[in-house]
Amino acid sequence: MTQAIKWRPKRDADGNIKPGCWETSAGYTVAEFRTPEVTYGITRPGGKAPSLYTPDRLQVAKLIDADERARA
């Protein structure tokens, strides 16, 4: 059984919260894009750009979990 993902707001270099952006305790970043539909971009720990995308907010945690397992 997987552990629940712990989320926190993503902050910029000055410590300000970035709207529509979160990060996990494992280092994944999730950003909400509107292009014009909502899409969530998931960046792996240490990554510079999203590697995974989904239009379904409920799929974000599942994609992160699957990615963590694949990288283990």
C-alpha atoms as a PDB file:
ATOM      1  CA  MET A   1       0.000   0.000   0.000  1.00  0.00           C
ATOM      2  CA  THR A   2       1.334   3.444  -0.881  1.00  0.00           C
ATOM      3  CA  GLN A   3       1.629   6.312   1.536  1.00  0.00           C
ATOM      4  CA  ALA A   4      -0.495   9.417   1.081  1.00  0.00           C
ATOM      5  CA  ILE A   5       1.327  12.221  -0.695  1.00  0.00           C
ATOM      6  CA  LYS A   6       2.064  15.225   1.489  1.00  0.00           C
ATOM      7  CA  TRP A   7       1.513  18.545  -0.293  1.00  0.00           C
ATOM      8  CA  ARG A   8       2.666  22.097   0.399  1.00  0.00           C
ATOM      9  CA  PRO A   9       2.400  25.312  -1.590  1.00  0.00           C
ATOM     10  CA  LYS A  10       5.359  25.943  -3.892  1.00  0.00           C
ATOM     11  CA  ARG A  11       7.328  29.068  -3.013  1.00  0.00           C
ATOM     12  CA  ASP A  12       9.573  31.243  -5.155  1.00  0.00           C
ATOM     13  CA  ALA A  13      13.118  32.281  -4.258  1.00  0.00           C
ATOM     14  CA  ASP A  14      11.758  35.132  -2.100  1.00  0.00           C
ATOM     15  CA  GLY A  15       9.493  32.802  -0.109  1.00  0.00           C
ATOM     16  CA  ASN A  16       6.254  33.965  -1.746  1.00  0.00           C
ATOM     17  CA  ILE A  17       3.620  31.333  -2.530  1.00  0.00           C
ATOM     18  CA  LYS A  18       3.288  30.669  -6.266  1.00  0.00           C
ATOM     19  CA  PRO A  19      -0.429  30.496  -7.146  1.00  0.00           C
ATOM     20  CA  GLY A  20      -1.530  27.257  -8.810  1.00  0.00           C
ATOM     21  CA  CYS A  21       1.680  25.455  -7.908  1.00  0.00           C
ATOM     22  CA  TRP A  22       2.374  22.799  -5.259  1.00  0.00           C
ATOM     23  CA  GLU A  23       5.173  20.473  -4.296  1.00  0.00           C
ATOM     24  CA  THR A  24       5.351  17.146  -2.535  1.00  0.00           C
ATOM     25  CA  SER A  25       7.638  16.115   0.278  1.00  0.00           C
ATOM     26  CA  ALA A  26       9.374  13.837  -2.273  1.00  0.00           C
ATOM     27  CA  GLY A  27      10.250  16.863  -4.451  1.00  0.00           C
ATOM     28  CA  TYR A  28       7.683  16.618  -7.259  1.00  0.00           C
ATOM     29  CA  THR A  29       6.224  19.932  -8.432  1.00  0.00           C
ATOM     30  CA  VAL A  30       2.701  20.226  -9.811  1.00  0.00           C
ATOM     31  CA  ALA A  31       1.643  23.319 -11.722  1.00  0.00           C
ATOM     32  CA  GLU A  32      -1.824  24.162 -12.999  1.00  0.00           C
ATOM     33  CA  PHE A  33      -1.863  25.443 -16.581  1.00  0.00           C
ATOM     34  CA  ARG A  34      -4.849  26.919 -18.411  1.00  0.00           C
ATOM     35  CA  THR A  35      -4.387  26.324 -22.131  1.00  0.00           C
ATOM     36  CA  PRO A  36      -7.464  27.076 -22.306  1.00  0.00           C
ATOM     37  CA  GLU A  37      -8.527  23.905 -20.456  1.00  0.00           C
ATOM     38  CA  VAL A  38      -6.928  23.132 -17.116  1.00  0.00           C
ATOM     39  CA  THR A  39      -3.921  20.826 -17.380  1.00  0.00           C
ATOM     40  CA  TYR A  40      -1.596  19.753 -14.574  1.00  0.00           C
ATOM     41  CA  GLY A  41       2.116  19.518 -15.327  1.00  0.00           C
ATOM     42  CA  ILE A  42       4.188  17.303 -13.040  1.00  0.00           C
ATOM     43  CA  THR A  43       7.926  17.900 -12.748  1.00  0.00           C
ATOM     44  CA  ARG A  44      10.153  15.207 -11.300  1.00  0.00           C
ATOM     45  CA  PRO A  45      12.490  16.033  -8.399  1.00  0.00           C
ATOM     46  CA  GLY A  46      15.412  18.080  -9.741  1.00  0.00           C
ATOM     47  CA  GLY A  47      13.716  18.510 -13.122  1.00  0.00           C
ATOM     48  CA  LYS A  48      13.466  21.798 -14.995  1.00  0.00           C
ATOM     49  CA  ALA A  49      10.281  21.088 -16.973  1.00  0.00           C
ATOM     50  CA  PRO A  50       7.195  18.896 -16.560  1.00  0.00           C
ATOM     51  CA  SER A  51       7.605  15.271 -17.586  1.00  0.00           C
ATOM     52  CA  LEU A  52       4.008  14.224 -17.024  1.00  0.00           C
ATOM     53  CA  TYR A  53       0.725  15.942 -17.879  1.00  0.00           C
ATOM     54  CA  THR A  54      -2.917  15.242 -17.067  1.00  0.00           C
ATOM     55  CA  PRO A  55      -6.168  17.170 -17.407  1.00  0.00           C
ATOM     56  CA  ASP A  56      -7.589  15.185 -14.474  1.00  0.00           C
ATOM     57  CA  ARG A  57      -6.721  16.533 -11.033  1.00  0.00           C
ATOM     58  CA  LEU A  58      -7.533  13.164  -9.457  1.00  0.00           C
ATOM     59  CA  GLN A  59      -4.866  11.496 -11.621  1.00  0.00           C
ATOM     60  CA  VAL A  60      -1.997  13.681 -10.335  1.00  0.00           C
ATOM     61  CA  ALA A  61      -1.299  11.608  -7.209  1.00  0.00           C
ATOM     62  CA  LYS A  62      -1.660   8.347  -9.178  1.00  0.00           C
ATOM     63  CA  LEU A  63       0.849   9.514 -11.799  1.00  0.00           C
ATOM     64  CA  ILE A  64       3.330  10.583  -9.143  1.00  0.00           C
ATOM     65  CA  ASP A  65       2.954   7.251  -7.340  1.00  0.00           C
ATOM     66  CA  ALA A  66       3.463   5.304 -10.582  1.00  0.00           C
ATOM     67  CA  ASP A  67       6.487   7.419 -11.486  1.00  0.00           C
ATOM     68  CA  GLU A  68       8.060   6.907  -8.061  1.00  0.00           C
ATOM     69  CA  ARG A  69       7.616   3.133  -8.400  1.00  0.00           C
ATOM     70  CA  ALA A  70       9.070   3.098 -11.906  1.00  0.00           C
ATOM     71  CA  ARG A  71      12.110   5.092 -10.788  1.00  0.00           C
ATOM     72  CA  ALA A  72      12.732   2.927  -7.690  1.00  0.00           C
END
